Amino acid sequence: MGRFQSSNKFSPELSCTARIFTLTPHFTQADHAIADLAINHPQLVATCSARELGRHSNVSEASVIRFVQKLEYESLKDFREALKKELVNSQTAGNPMISNQPNSPVEALSQVVALCSQALQMLTTSIDIDELGRAAKALENSSCIHFFAAGGSIRVAQHAAFKLLRLGYPSFAQSEPFSQIAQASTVQSGSVAFGISFTGSTKSVVDALAVAKENGATVICLTNFAGTQVTELSDICLITPSPGGILAANSAQTRVAQFAILDVLLNLITPRCEYSGQ
């Protein structure tokens, strides 16, 4: 892998973890070790010195500094402050049930509704309309649609597959990673492989999409981060924003944005059969 050159692509407002997931395909082994620690143990990383962070990640201090520079922070202090800020935002906004003071049911309801409304409003200005149209056309022209997802995204995928079946489109959404790999091996040219991954780096989804792409499928992804492994594999990318940062991966606002995009796609395609019922 060639040496990564920063392109100053990040706006100052872009969150720390969003930068990490965007640059994941360009990371060295040392970068991956530090990134994994930052994602899985952000409270620890937010307080570590370069030496301590290197020790926890089994890398050198120099590797820590290079990692921070790749994320376009001027110093480790700036990186830590950004991570702390994201933690606070995720706890108080992205996860309204976690608060310094207990919320009343009315306050909790209002916060969740506000976040979901914000996520939907952000879709109208951030989603690539051309990509949305291309995705709908690919689904409409497909011989079969295969969904690949993990965690909470599995339910979103299964919901979409069920609705597509009701519209007359052969669709499948397995829940187990090994079943998804087996499913991917049966994908043929003319089919669509649809991956749903909040981070864009979910290994089981990446592996399944790679197999499906090799078999000639059109690959579509629904994710929150560009420049990740899933987007690199995809022919069509649907990038959805979500208030609350990376720690809001399984939050209501993230799921409502995913459901909304899939419902838009379903409304854009022509039913192949009529159905009745609820």
C-alpha atoms as a PDB file:
ATOM      1  CA  MET A   1       0.000   0.000   0.000  1.00  0.00           C
ATOM      2  CA  GLY A   2       1.348   3.390  -0.990  1.00  0.00           C
ATOM      3  CA  ARG A   3       1.888   6.138   1.499  1.00  0.00           C
ATOM      4  CA  PHE A   4      -1.331   7.991   2.196  1.00  0.00           C
ATOM      5  CA  GLN A   5      -1.344  11.668   1.340  1.00  0.00           C
ATOM      6  CA  SER A   6      -3.827  13.922   3.099  1.00  0.00           C
ATOM      7  CA  SER A   7      -5.975  15.950   0.743  1.00  0.00           C
ATOM      8  CA  ASN A   8      -7.412  18.340   3.347  1.00  0.00           C
ATOM      9  CA  LYS A   9     -10.816  16.923   2.564  1.00  0.00           C
ATOM     10  CA  PHE A  10     -12.344  17.280   6.020  1.00  0.00           C
ATOM     11  CA  SER A  11     -14.420  20.218   7.166  1.00  0.00           C
ATOM     12  CA  PRO A  12     -13.632  21.340  10.729  1.00  0.00           C
ATOM     13  CA  GLU A  13     -17.104  20.217  11.829  1.00  0.00           C
ATOM     14  CA  LEU A  14     -16.653  16.602  10.706  1.00  0.00           C
ATOM     15  CA  SER A  15     -16.617  14.310  13.734  1.00  0.00           C
ATOM     16  CA  CYS A  16     -13.562  12.372  14.824  1.00  0.00           C
ATOM     17  CA  THR A  17     -15.088   8.950  14.210  1.00  0.00           C
ATOM     18  CA  ALA A  18     -16.477  10.015  10.831  1.00  0.00           C
ATOM     19  CA  ARG A  19     -12.913  10.868   9.798  1.00  0.00           C
ATOM     20  CA  ILE A  20     -11.720   7.482  11.032  1.00  0.00           C
ATOM     21  CA  PHE A  21     -14.287   5.527   9.027  1.00  0.00           C
ATOM     22  CA  THR A  22     -13.739   7.664   5.940  1.00  0.00           C
ATOM     23  CA  LEU A  23     -10.010   6.912   5.954  1.00  0.00           C
ATOM     24  CA  THR A  24     -10.288   3.242   6.942  1.00  0.00           C
ATOM     25  CA  PRO A  25      -9.351   1.930   3.456  1.00  0.00           C
ATOM     26  CA  HIS A  26      -6.085   3.917   3.616  1.00  0.00           C
ATOM     27  CA  PHE A  27      -4.973   2.813   7.098  1.00  0.00           C
ATOM     28  CA  THR A  28      -1.817   0.897   7.882  1.00  0.00           C
ATOM     29  CA  GLN A  29      -1.836  -1.957  10.384  1.00  0.00           C
ATOM     30  CA  ALA A  30      -0.768   0.470  13.112  1.00  0.00           C
ATOM     31  CA  ASP A  31      -3.535   2.893  12.122  1.00  0.00           C
ATOM     32  CA  HIS A  32      -6.125   0.127  12.371  1.00  0.00           C
ATOM     33  CA  ALA A  33      -4.936  -0.759  15.881  1.00  0.00           C
ATOM     34  CA  ILE A  34      -5.308   2.847  17.065  1.00  0.00           C
ATOM     35  CA  ALA A  35      -8.623   3.302  15.248  1.00  0.00           C
ATOM     36  CA  ASP A  36     -10.068   0.144  16.813  1.00  0.00           C
ATOM     37  CA  LEU A  37      -9.143   1.426  20.260  1.00  0.00           C
ATOM     38  CA  ALA A  38     -10.665   4.840  19.548  1.00  0.00           C
ATOM     39  CA  ILE A  39     -13.936   3.348  18.301  1.00  0.00           C
ATOM     40  CA  ASN A  40     -14.318   0.663  20.972  1.00  0.00           C
ATOM     41  CA  HIS A  41     -12.844   2.553  23.952  1.00  0.00           C
ATOM     42  CA  PRO A  42     -13.255   6.280  23.235  1.00  0.00           C
ATOM     43  CA  GLN A  43     -13.359   7.267  26.915  1.00  0.00           C
ATOM     44  CA  LEU A  44      -9.907   5.745  27.407  1.00  0.00           C
ATOM     45  CA  VAL A  45      -8.386   7.239  24.254  1.00  0.00           C
ATOM     46  CA  ALA A  46      -9.739  10.699  25.101  1.00  0.00           C
ATOM     47  CA  THR A  47      -7.464  10.805  28.155  1.00  0.00           C
ATOM     48  CA  CYS A  48      -4.324   9.057  26.854  1.00  0.00           C
ATOM     49  CA  SER A  49      -0.936  10.566  26.095  1.00  0.00           C
ATOM     50  CA  ALA A  50       0.812   9.499  22.878  1.00  0.00           C
ATOM     51  CA  ARG A  51       2.952   7.068  24.859  1.00  0.00           C
ATOM     52  CA  GLU A  52      -0.063   5.571  26.661  1.00  0.00           C
ATOM     53  CA  LEU A  53      -2.068   5.318  23.458  1.00  0.00           C
ATOM     54  CA  GLY A  54       0.848   3.598  21.744  1.00  0.00           C
ATOM     55  CA  ARG A  55       1.165   1.145  24.619  1.00  0.00           C
ATOM     56  CA  HIS A  56      -2.538   0.287  24.586  1.00  0.00           C
ATOM     57  CA  SER A  57      -2.464  -0.187  20.799  1.00  0.00           C
ATOM     58  CA  ASN A  58       0.916  -1.959  20.665  1.00  0.00           C
ATOM     59  CA  VAL A  59       2.305   0.681  18.296  1.00  0.00           C
ATOM     60  CA  SER A  60       4.962   3.386  18.559  1.00  0.00           C
ATOM     61  CA  GLU A  61       4.434   6.976  19.653  1.00  0.00           C
ATOM     62  CA  ALA A  62       5.385   8.046  16.139  1.00  0.00           C
ATOM     63  CA  SER A  63       2.553   5.900  14.740  1.00  0.00           C
ATOM     64  CA  VAL A  64       0.111   7.665  17.051  1.00  0.00           C
ATOM     65  CA  ILE A  65       1.255  11.086  15.826  1.00  0.00           C
ATOM     66  CA  ARG A  66       1.025  10.012  12.171  1.00  0.00           C
ATOM     67  CA  PHE A  67      -2.483   8.666  12.809  1.00  0.00           C
ATOM     68  CA  VAL A  68      -3.591  11.992  14.301  1.00  0.00           C
ATOM     69  CA  GLN A  69      -2.112  13.856  11.336  1.00  0.00           C
ATOM     70  CA  LYS A  70      -3.952  11.623   8.868  1.00  0.00           C
ATOM     71  CA  LEU A  71      -7.180  12.656  10.551  1.00  0.00           C
ATOM     72  CA  GLU A  72      -6.069  16.271   9.915  1.00  0.00           C
ATOM     73  CA  TYR A  73      -5.730  17.291  13.542  1.00  0.00           C
ATOM     74  CA  GLU A  74      -2.869  19.626  14.399  1.00  0.00           C
ATOM     75  CA  SER A  75      -2.035  17.788  17.609  1.00  0.00           C
ATOM     76  CA  LEU A  76      -2.974  14.842  19.783  1.00  0.00           C
ATOM     77  CA  LYS A  77      -4.642  17.326  22.122  1.00  0.00           C
ATOM     78  CA  ASP A  78      -6.947  18.455  19.294  1.00  0.00           C
ATOM     79  CA  PHE A  79      -7.753  14.812  18.495  1.00  0.00           C
ATOM     80  CA  ARG A  80      -8.605  14.078  22.140  1.00  0.00           C
ATOM     81  CA  GLU A  81     -10.748  17.206  22.439  1.00  0.00           C
ATOM     82  CA  ALA A  82     -12.666  16.250  19.292  1.00  0.00           C
ATOM     83  CA  LEU A  83     -13.262  12.764  20.654  1.00  0.00           C
ATOM     84  CA  LYS A  84     -14.429  14.149  24.017  1.00  0.00           C
ATOM     85  CA  LYS A  85     -16.812  16.517  22.257  1.00  0.00           C
ATOM     86  CA  GLU A  86     -18.266  13.674  20.229  1.00  0.00           C
ATOM     87  CA  LEU A  87     -18.742  11.584  23.353  1.00  0.00           C
ATOM     88  CA  VAL A  88     -20.638  14.408  25.038  1.00  0.00           C
ATOM     89  CA  ASN A  89     -22.795  15.023  21.958  1.00  0.00           C
ATOM     90  CA  SER A  90     -23.557  11.322  21.594  1.00  0.00           C
ATOM     91  CA  GLN A  91     -24.523  10.963  25.226  1.00  0.00           C
ATOM     92  CA  THR A  92     -26.706  14.031  25.489  1.00  0.00           C
ATOM     93  CA  ALA A  93     -28.129  14.237  21.963  1.00  0.00           C
ATOM     94  CA  GLY A  94     -27.532  10.956  20.167  1.00  0.00           C
ATOM     95  CA  ASN A  95     -28.617   8.907  23.160  1.00  0.00           C
ATOM     96  CA  PRO A  96     -31.266  10.889  25.024  1.00  0.00           C
ATOM     97  CA  MET A  97     -31.698   8.174  27.642  1.00  0.00           C
ATOM     98  CA  ILE A  98     -28.137   8.857  28.864  1.00  0.00           C
ATOM     99  CA  SER A  99     -28.076  12.151  30.710  1.00  0.00           C
ATOM    100  CA  ASN A 100     -26.560  13.786  33.761  1.00  0.00           C
ATOM    101  CA  GLN A 101     -30.084  14.297  35.044  1.00  0.00           C
ATOM    102  CA  PRO A 102     -32.999  11.871  34.629  1.00  0.00           C
ATOM    103  CA  ASN A 103     -35.433  12.836  31.866  1.00  0.00           C
ATOM    104  CA  SER A 104     -39.149  12.791  32.358  1.00  0.00           C
ATOM    105  CA  PRO A 105     -41.115  10.641  29.871  1.00  0.00           C
ATOM    106  CA  VAL A 106     -42.262  13.814  28.110  1.00  0.00           C
ATOM    107  CA  GLU A 107     -38.697  15.139  27.777  1.00  0.00           C
ATOM    108  CA  ALA A 108     -37.375  11.785  26.582  1.00  0.00           C
ATOM    109  CA  LEU A 109     -40.137  11.513  23.980  1.00  0.00           C
ATOM    110  CA  SER A 110     -39.516  15.057  22.780  1.00  0.00           C
ATOM    111  CA  GLN A 111     -35.779  14.448  22.400  1.00  0.00           C
ATOM    112  CA  VAL A 112     -36.196  11.252  20.411  1.00  0.00           C
ATOM    113  CA  VAL A 113     -38.844  12.781  18.142  1.00  0.00           C
ATOM    114  CA  ALA A 114     -36.649  15.856  17.605  1.00  0.00           C
ATOM    115  CA  LEU A 115     -33.644  13.718  16.657  1.00  0.00           C
ATOM    116  CA  CYS A 116     -35.693  11.601  14.255  1.00  0.00           C
ATOM    117  CA  SER A 117     -37.143  14.744  12.695  1.00  0.00           C
ATOM    118  CA  GLN A 118     -33.652  16.204  12.376  1.00  0.00           C
ATOM    119  CA  ALA A 119     -32.369  13.042  10.690  1.00  0.00           C
ATOM    120  CA  LEU A 120     -35.222  13.117   8.165  1.00  0.00           C
ATOM    121  CA  GLN A 121     -34.729  16.818   7.459  1.00  0.00           C
ATOM    122  CA  MET A 122     -31.013  16.238   6.889  1.00  0.00           C
ATOM    123  CA  LEU A 123     -31.866  13.590   4.289  1.00  0.00           C
ATOM    124  CA  THR A 124     -33.592  16.117   2.063  1.00  0.00           C
ATOM    125  CA  THR A 125     -30.425  18.195   1.712  1.00  0.00           C
ATOM    126  CA  SER A 126     -27.693  15.543   1.943  1.00  0.00           C
ATOM    127  CA  ILE A 127     -28.845  12.497  -0.026  1.00  0.00           C
ATOM    128  CA  ASP A 128     -27.552  12.270  -3.598  1.00  0.00           C
ATOM    129  CA  ILE A 129     -30.739  12.388  -5.681  1.00  0.00           C
ATOM    130  CA  ASP A 130     -28.999  11.023  -8.779  1.00  0.00           C
ATOM    131  CA  GLU A 131     -27.745   8.023  -6.827  1.00  0.00           C
ATOM    132  CA  LEU A 132     -31.221   7.528  -5.399  1.00  0.00           C
ATOM    133  CA  GLY A 133     -32.656   7.401  -8.911  1.00  0.00           C
ATOM    134  CA  ARG A 134     -29.954   5.009 -10.084  1.00  0.00           C
ATOM    135  CA  ALA A 135     -30.638   2.725  -7.136  1.00  0.00           C
ATOM    136  CA  ALA A 136     -34.364   2.620  -7.896  1.00  0.00           C
ATOM    137  CA  LYS A 137     -33.677   1.821 -11.556  1.00  0.00           C
ATOM    138  CA  ALA A 138     -31.250  -0.958 -10.593  1.00  0.00           C
ATOM    139  CA  LEU A 139     -33.849  -2.515  -8.289  1.00  0.00           C
ATOM    140  CA  GLU A 140     -36.563  -2.257 -10.915  1.00  0.00           C
ATOM    141  CA  ASN A 141     -34.383  -3.959 -13.545  1.00  0.00           C
ATOM    142  CA  SER A 142     -33.028  -6.668 -11.260  1.00  0.00           C
ATOM    143  CA  SER A 143     -33.783 -10.365 -11.522  1.00  0.00           C
ATOM    144  CA  CYS A 144     -33.293 -10.791  -7.771  1.00  0.00           C
ATOM    145  CA  ILE A 145     -32.371  -8.573  -4.814  1.00  0.00           C
ATOM    146  CA  HIS A 146     -30.063  -9.805  -2.040  1.00  0.00           C
ATOM    147  CA  PHE A 147     -29.698  -7.808   1.184  1.00  0.00           C
ATOM    148  CA  PHE A 148     -26.625  -8.011   3.398  1.00  0.00           C
ATOM    149  CA  ALA A 149     -26.537  -6.398   6.842  1.00  0.00           C
ATOM    150  CA  ALA A 150     -25.499  -6.891  10.466  1.00  0.00           C
ATOM    151  CA  GLY A 151     -26.709  -5.841  13.903  1.00  0.00           C
ATOM    152  CA  GLY A 152     -29.716  -3.557  13.953  1.00  0.00           C
ATOM    153  CA  SER A 153     -29.515  -3.080  10.174  1.00  0.00           C
ATOM    154  CA  ILE A 154     -30.637  -6.690   9.688  1.00  0.00           C
ATOM    155  CA  ARG A 155     -34.197  -5.777  10.669  1.00  0.00           C
ATOM    156  CA  VAL A 156     -34.145  -2.914   8.181  1.00  0.00           C
ATOM    157  CA  ALA A 157     -32.969  -5.284   5.439  1.00  0.00           C
ATOM    158  CA  GLN A 158     -35.602  -7.899   6.273  1.00  0.00           C
ATOM    159  CA  HIS A 159     -38.318  -5.245   6.275  1.00  0.00           C
ATOM    160  CA  ALA A 160     -37.240  -4.080   2.795  1.00  0.00           C
ATOM    161  CA  ALA A 161     -37.003  -7.640   1.457  1.00  0.00           C
ATOM    162  CA  PHE A 162     -40.516  -8.418   2.682  1.00  0.00           C
ATOM    163  CA  LYS A 163     -41.992  -5.308   1.069  1.00  0.00           C
ATOM    164  CA  LEU A 164     -40.192  -6.042  -2.199  1.00  0.00           C
ATOM    165  CA  LEU A 165     -41.613  -9.555  -2.211  1.00  0.00           C
ATOM    166  CA  ARG A 166     -45.089  -8.072  -1.817  1.00  0.00           C
ATOM    167  CA  LEU A 167     -44.362  -5.934  -4.880  1.00  0.00           C
ATOM    168  CA  GLY A 168     -43.360  -9.004  -6.889  1.00  0.00           C
ATOM    169  CA  TYR A 169     -39.560  -8.680  -6.647  1.00  0.00           C
ATOM    170  CA  PRO A 170     -37.643 -11.826  -5.556  1.00  0.00           C
ATOM    171  CA  SER A 171     -35.734 -10.687  -2.469  1.00  0.00           C
ATOM    172  CA  PHE A 172     -33.680 -12.339   0.273  1.00  0.00           C
ATOM    173  CA  ALA A 173     -32.263 -11.148   3.597  1.00  0.00           C
ATOM    174  CA  GLN A 174     -30.490 -13.731   5.753  1.00  0.00           C
ATOM    175  CA  SER A 175     -29.688 -12.802   9.355  1.00  0.00           C
ATOM    176  CA  GLU A 176     -26.574 -14.898  10.046  1.00  0.00           C
ATOM    177  CA  PRO A 177     -23.171 -13.845   8.612  1.00  0.00           C
ATOM    178  CA  PHE A 178     -22.350 -17.370   7.381  1.00  0.00           C
ATOM    179  CA  SER A 179     -25.758 -17.625   5.725  1.00  0.00           C
ATOM    180  CA  GLN A 180     -25.147 -14.274   4.058  1.00  0.00           C
ATOM    181  CA  ILE A 181     -21.849 -15.478   2.594  1.00  0.00           C
ATOM    182  CA  ALA A 182     -23.611 -18.584   1.281  1.00  0.00           C
ATOM    183  CA  GLN A 183     -26.343 -16.342  -0.109  1.00  0.00           C
ATOM    184  CA  ALA A 184     -23.733 -14.124  -1.792  1.00  0.00           C
ATOM    185  CA  SER A 185     -22.201 -17.129  -3.536  1.00  0.00           C
ATOM    186  CA  THR A 186     -25.535 -17.782  -5.296  1.00  0.00           C
ATOM    187  CA  VAL A 187     -25.877 -14.220  -6.635  1.00  0.00           C
ATOM    188  CA  GLN A 188     -25.827 -14.027 -10.416  1.00  0.00           C
ATOM    189  CA  SER A 189     -25.364 -11.318 -13.020  1.00  0.00           C
ATOM    190  CA  GLY A 190     -28.530  -9.238 -13.294  1.00  0.00           C
ATOM    191  CA  SER A 191     -29.103  -9.334  -9.549  1.00  0.00           C
ATOM    192  CA  VAL A 192     -28.647  -6.553  -7.007  1.00  0.00           C
ATOM    193  CA  ALA A 193     -26.560  -6.963  -3.862  1.00  0.00           C
ATOM    194  CA  PHE A 194     -27.756  -4.356  -1.340  1.00  0.00           C
ATOM    195  CA  GLY A 195     -25.498  -3.790   1.670  1.00  0.00           C
ATOM    196  CA  ILE A 196     -26.636  -1.874   4.759  1.00  0.00           C
ATOM    197  CA  SER A 197     -23.895  -0.827   7.187  1.00  0.00           C
ATOM    198  CA  PHE A 198     -23.889   2.248   9.440  1.00  0.00           C
ATOM    199  CA  THR A 199     -20.080   2.434   9.552  1.00  0.00           C
ATOM    200  CA  GLY A 200     -19.442   1.129   6.050  1.00  0.00           C
ATOM    201  CA  SER A 201     -16.814  -1.209   7.466  1.00  0.00           C
ATOM    202  CA  THR A 202     -18.839  -4.162   8.807  1.00  0.00           C
ATOM    203  CA  LYS A 203     -16.709  -7.173   7.869  1.00  0.00           C
ATOM    204  CA  SER A 204     -19.523  -9.628   7.180  1.00  0.00           C
ATOM    205  CA  VAL A 205     -21.243  -7.115   4.888  1.00  0.00           C
ATOM    206  CA  VAL A 206     -17.994  -6.222   3.117  1.00  0.00           C
ATOM    207  CA  ASP A 207     -17.163  -9.902   2.544  1.00  0.00           C
ATOM    208  CA  ALA A 208     -20.635 -10.725   1.220  1.00  0.00           C
ATOM    209  CA  LEU A 209     -20.699  -7.735  -1.138  1.00  0.00           C
ATOM    210  CA  ALA A 210     -17.242  -8.615  -2.459  1.00  0.00           C
ATOM    211  CA  VAL A 211     -18.406 -12.136  -3.331  1.00  0.00           C
ATOM    212  CA  ALA A 212     -21.597 -10.835  -4.943  1.00  0.00           C
ATOM    213  CA  LYS A 213     -19.659  -8.280  -6.989  1.00  0.00           C
ATOM    214  CA  GLU A 214     -17.324 -10.974  -8.274  1.00  0.00           C
ATOM    215  CA  ASN A 215     -20.417 -12.876  -9.418  1.00  0.00           C
ATOM    216  CA  GLY A 216     -21.555  -9.910 -11.492  1.00  0.00           C
ATOM    217  CA  ALA A 217     -24.168  -8.289  -9.260  1.00  0.00           C
ATOM    218  CA  THR A 218     -24.866  -4.565  -9.177  1.00  0.00           C
ATOM    219  CA  VAL A 219     -23.834  -3.466  -5.689  1.00  0.00           C
ATOM    220  CA  ILE A 220     -25.770  -0.805  -3.771  1.00  0.00           C
ATOM    221  CA  CYS A 221     -24.877   0.370  -0.273  1.00  0.00           C
ATOM    222  CA  LEU A 222     -26.745   2.320   2.382  1.00  0.00           C
ATOM    223  CA  THR A 223     -24.324   3.749   4.926  1.00  0.00           C
ATOM    224  CA  ASN A 224     -23.356   6.847   6.893  1.00  0.00           C
ATOM    225  CA  PHE A 225     -19.733   7.234   5.823  1.00  0.00           C
ATOM    226  CA  ALA A 226     -18.161   7.759   2.411  1.00  0.00           C
ATOM    227  CA  GLY A 227     -14.715   6.429   1.521  1.00  0.00           C
ATOM    228  CA  THR A 228     -15.210   3.182   3.451  1.00  0.00           C
ATOM    229  CA  GLN A 229     -14.836  -0.433   2.334  1.00  0.00           C
ATOM    230  CA  VAL A 230     -18.532  -0.760   1.544  1.00  0.00           C
ATOM    231  CA  THR A 231     -18.622   2.377  -0.600  1.00  0.00           C
ATOM    232  CA  GLU A 232     -15.436   1.330  -2.420  1.00  0.00           C
ATOM    233  CA  LEU A 233     -17.143  -1.918  -3.419  1.00  0.00           C
ATOM    234  CA  SER A 234     -20.433  -0.332  -4.451  1.00  0.00           C
ATOM    235  CA  ASP A 235     -21.655   0.806  -7.842  1.00  0.00           C
ATOM    236  CA  ILE A 236     -24.279   3.016  -6.197  1.00  0.00           C
ATOM    237  CA  CYS A 237     -23.828   4.695  -2.799  1.00  0.00           C
ATOM    238  CA  LEU A 238     -26.617   6.081  -0.624  1.00  0.00           C
ATOM    239  CA  ILE A 239     -25.035   8.091   2.198  1.00  0.00           C
ATOM    240  CA  THR A 240     -27.358   9.042   5.057  1.00  0.00           C
ATOM    241  CA  PRO A 241     -26.424  11.491   7.837  1.00  0.00           C
ATOM    242  CA  SER A 242     -27.417  10.822  11.438  1.00  0.00           C
ATOM    243  CA  PRO A 243     -27.359  13.221  14.399  1.00  0.00           C
ATOM    244  CA  GLY A 244     -25.388  11.977  17.368  1.00  0.00           C
ATOM    245  CA  GLY A 245     -22.173  10.651  15.845  1.00  0.00           C
ATOM    246  CA  ILE A 246     -20.828   7.118  15.751  1.00  0.00           C
ATOM    247  CA  LEU A 247     -22.227   6.188  19.160  1.00  0.00           C
ATOM    248  CA  ALA A 248     -25.700   6.685  17.715  1.00  0.00           C
ATOM    249  CA  ALA A 249     -25.255   3.686  15.389  1.00  0.00           C
ATOM    250  CA  ASN A 250     -28.245   1.809  16.813  1.00  0.00           C
ATOM    251  CA  SER A 251     -30.324   4.836  17.701  1.00  0.00           C
ATOM    252  CA  ALA A 252     -33.823   5.654  16.524  1.00  0.00           C
ATOM    253  CA  GLN A 253     -32.652   8.498  14.267  1.00  0.00           C
ATOM    254  CA  THR A 254     -30.280   6.206  12.398  1.00  0.00           C
ATOM    255  CA  ARG A 255     -32.908   3.544  11.778  1.00  0.00           C
ATOM    256  CA  VAL A 256     -35.597   6.015  10.761  1.00  0.00           C
ATOM    257  CA  ALA A 257     -33.245   7.450   8.121  1.00  0.00           C
ATOM    258  CA  GLN A 258     -32.531   3.960   6.759  1.00  0.00           C
ATOM    259  CA  PHE A 259     -36.216   3.038   6.665  1.00  0.00           C
ATOM    260  CA  ALA A 260     -37.033   6.334   4.960  1.00  0.00           C
ATOM    261  CA  ILE A 261     -34.534   5.822   2.134  1.00  0.00           C
ATOM    262  CA  LEU A 262     -35.728   2.280   1.508  1.00  0.00           C
ATOM    263  CA  ASP A 263     -39.350   3.417   1.463  1.00  0.00           C
ATOM    264  CA  VAL A 264     -38.416   6.116  -1.068  1.00  0.00           C
ATOM    265  CA  LEU A 265     -36.868   3.442  -3.299  1.00  0.00           C
ATOM    266  CA  LEU A 266     -39.968   1.255  -2.979  1.00  0.00           C
ATOM    267  CA  ASN A 267     -42.158   4.191  -3.979  1.00  0.00           C
ATOM    268  CA  LEU A 268     -40.017   4.809  -7.061  1.00  0.00           C
ATOM    269  CA  ILE A 269     -40.247   1.309  -8.533  1.00  0.00           C
ATOM    270  CA  THR A 270     -43.159  -0.157 -10.452  1.00  0.00           C
ATOM    271  CA  PRO A 271     -44.916  -3.091  -8.736  1.00  0.00           C
ATOM    272  CA  ARG A 272     -44.671  -6.340 -10.683  1.00  0.00           C
ATOM    273  CA  CYS A 273     -47.835  -7.666  -9.131  1.00  0.00           C
ATOM    274  CA  GLU A 274     -50.811  -6.386  -7.212  1.00  0.00           C
ATOM    275  CA  TYR A 275     -51.473  -7.471  -3.687  1.00  0.00           C
ATOM    276  CA  SER A 276     -54.101  -6.916  -1.064  1.00  0.00           C
ATOM    277  CA  GLY A 277     -53.908  -7.103   2.692  1.00  0.00           C
ATOM    278  CA  GLN A 278     -52.305  -5.117   5.472  1.00  0.00           C
END
